[in-house]
Structures are given as C-alpha cells and as structure tokens.
Amino acid sequence: MSDTGASVPQTPETPFPEVDVDPRLLEVLVCPVTHGPLEFDRAKGELISRGAKLAYPIRDGVPIMLPEEARELAEGE
C-alpha cells in the first residue's frame, strides 16, 4: 500500500521537508502581530512576516500563528 501523503525525508540537500497548505487558507491568513501579509516559504515550511521579522512554522499542514512559536528572521533573510 502506497502512502501518497508521506513527507520528504530530511537530508543535507533538503534541510526542511516541503509542506503544503490550502491556498484558500493562505489568502486569509495575516500576521497576528502586524496584521500584514504573509509569504509562504514552501521549502522551509514557514509563513514569513517581513513586517514583524518573524517566520511562523507549519506543522502537519497547520500554520502555528503564535508569536512565541515563531522564529525571528536573521538579518537579510
């Protein structure tokens, strides 16, 4: 039996498993800090808020929109 929902294994070439999020969900989500737009980084599995300089993780296809769970963006990222 094939598992078509399997995630991409983490390797040095792909440091983060690619994730998918419902495009309709991405259209309505905003940063909880700035209420501004978010960019979807599929390769890292994050939603990026340039205004807040935060990257919100996506776990099991669910965006975790809590500022305390977000990663601060590095300079130039």
C-alpha atoms as a PDB file:
ATOM      1  CA  MET A   1       0.000   0.000   0.000  1.00  0.00           C
ATOM      2  CA  SER A   2       1.453   3.366  -1.043  1.00  0.00           C
ATOM      3  CA  ASP A   3       1.375   6.388   1.250  1.00  0.00           C
ATOM      4  CA  THR A   4       0.936   9.410  -1.031  1.00  0.00           C
ATOM      5  CA  GLY A   5       0.884  11.778   1.933  1.00  0.00           C
ATOM      6  CA  ALA A   6       4.418  10.901   3.037  1.00  0.00           C
ATOM      7  CA  SER A   7       6.692  13.796   3.823  1.00  0.00           C
ATOM      8  CA  VAL A   8      10.004  14.380   2.128  1.00  0.00           C
ATOM      9  CA  PRO A   9      12.816  12.942   4.251  1.00  0.00           C
ATOM     10  CA  GLN A  10      15.231  15.477   5.685  1.00  0.00           C
ATOM     11  CA  THR A  11      18.657  15.330   4.015  1.00  0.00           C
ATOM     12  CA  PRO A  12      21.558  17.770   3.655  1.00  0.00           C
ATOM     13  CA  GLU A  13      20.196  18.723   0.209  1.00  0.00           C
ATOM     14  CA  THR A  14      16.677  19.317   1.588  1.00  0.00           C
ATOM     15  CA  PRO A  15      17.175  20.575   5.141  1.00  0.00           C
ATOM     16  CA  PHE A  16      13.430  21.081   5.643  1.00  0.00           C
ATOM     17  CA  PRO A  17      10.628  18.776   4.477  1.00  0.00           C
ATOM     18  CA  GLU A  18       8.437  20.593   1.961  1.00  0.00           C
ATOM     19  CA  VAL A  19       4.905  21.246   3.175  1.00  0.00           C
ATOM     20  CA  ASP A  20       1.660  22.200   1.524  1.00  0.00           C
ATOM     21  CA  VAL A  21      -1.048  24.465   2.863  1.00  0.00           C
ATOM     22  CA  ASP A  22      -4.502  25.029   1.419  1.00  0.00           C
ATOM     23  CA  PRO A  23      -4.143  28.062  -0.909  1.00  0.00           C
ATOM     24  CA  ARG A  24      -7.504  29.433   0.297  1.00  0.00           C
ATOM     25  CA  LEU A  25      -6.135  29.478   3.841  1.00  0.00           C
ATOM     26  CA  LEU A  26      -3.047  31.392   2.717  1.00  0.00           C
ATOM     27  CA  GLU A  27      -5.298  34.046   1.172  1.00  0.00           C
ATOM     28  CA  VAL A  28      -6.954  34.891   4.508  1.00  0.00           C
ATOM     29  CA  LEU A  29      -4.096  34.491   6.985  1.00  0.00           C
ATOM     30  CA  VAL A  30      -2.303  37.611   8.213  1.00  0.00           C
ATOM     31  CA  CYS A  31       0.460  38.158  10.720  1.00  0.00           C
ATOM     32  CA  PRO A  32      -1.034  38.262  14.237  1.00  0.00           C
ATOM     33  CA  VAL A  33       1.499  40.937  15.244  1.00  0.00           C
ATOM     34  CA  THR A  34       1.291  43.390  12.324  1.00  0.00           C
ATOM     35  CA  HIS A  35      -1.939  42.224  10.661  1.00  0.00           C
ATOM     36  CA  GLY A  36       0.064  42.426   7.447  1.00  0.00           C
ATOM     37  CA  PRO A  37       0.572  39.921   4.624  1.00  0.00           C
ATOM     38  CA  LEU A  38       2.498  36.675   4.917  1.00  0.00           C
ATOM     39  CA  GLU A  39       4.765  34.966   2.397  1.00  0.00           C
ATOM     40  CA  PHE A  40       4.674  31.180   2.111  1.00  0.00           C
ATOM     41  CA  ASP A  41       8.109  29.532   2.110  1.00  0.00           C
ATOM     42  CA  ARG A  42       7.245  26.009   0.996  1.00  0.00           C
ATOM     43  CA  ALA A  43      10.820  24.717   1.234  1.00  0.00           C
ATOM     44  CA  LYS A  44      11.215  25.771   4.878  1.00  0.00           C
ATOM     45  CA  GLY A  45       7.601  25.112   5.859  1.00  0.00           C
ATOM     46  CA  GLU A  46       7.055  28.617   7.196  1.00  0.00           C
ATOM     47  CA  LEU A  47       4.888  31.681   6.780  1.00  0.00           C
ATOM     48  CA  ILE A  48       7.075  34.782   6.713  1.00  0.00           C
ATOM     49  CA  SER A  49       6.058  38.167   8.100  1.00  0.00           C
ATOM     50  CA  ARG A  50       8.545  40.723   6.794  1.00  0.00           C
ATOM     51  CA  GLY A  51       6.928  43.473   8.894  1.00  0.00           C
ATOM     52  CA  ALA A  52       7.327  41.589  12.180  1.00  0.00           C
ATOM     53  CA  LYS A  53      10.562  39.878  11.068  1.00  0.00           C
ATOM     54  CA  LEU A  54       9.083  36.533  12.131  1.00  0.00           C
ATOM     55  CA  ALA A  55       8.700  33.114  10.499  1.00  0.00           C
ATOM     56  CA  TYR A  56       5.691  31.108  11.678  1.00  0.00           C
ATOM     57  CA  PRO A  57       6.126  27.320  11.432  1.00  0.00           C
ATOM     58  CA  ILE A  58       3.730  24.998   9.654  1.00  0.00           C
ATOM     59  CA  ARG A  59       3.314  21.661  11.424  1.00  0.00           C
ATOM     60  CA  ASP A  60       1.375  18.797   9.850  1.00  0.00           C
ATOM     61  CA  GLY A  61      -0.119  21.287   7.374  1.00  0.00           C
ATOM     62  CA  VAL A  62      -1.325  23.619  10.137  1.00  0.00           C
ATOM     63  CA  PRO A  63       0.162  27.119  10.427  1.00  0.00           C
ATOM     64  CA  ILE A  64       1.149  27.867  14.030  1.00  0.00           C
ATOM     65  CA  MET A  65       0.266  31.562  14.253  1.00  0.00           C
ATOM     66  CA  LEU A  66       1.584  32.203  17.764  1.00  0.00           C
ATOM     67  CA  PRO A  67       4.341  34.824  18.037  1.00  0.00           C
ATOM     68  CA  GLU A  68       6.015  32.833  20.816  1.00  0.00           C
ATOM     69  CA  GLU A  69       6.314  29.850  18.430  1.00  0.00           C
ATOM     70  CA  ALA A  70       7.733  31.962  15.589  1.00  0.00           C
ATOM     71  CA  ARG A  71      11.377  32.146  14.632  1.00  0.00           C
ATOM     72  CA  GLU A  72      12.998  35.565  14.366  1.00  0.00           C
ATOM     73  CA  LEU A  73      14.326  36.262  10.881  1.00  0.00           C
ATOM     74  CA  ALA A  74      18.060  36.728  10.572  1.00  0.00           C
ATOM     75  CA  GLU A  75      19.471  39.921   9.065  1.00  0.00           C
ATOM     76  CA  GLY A  76      18.967  39.866   5.292  1.00  0.00           C
ATOM     77  CA  GLU A  77      16.648  36.853   5.402  1.00  0.00           C
END
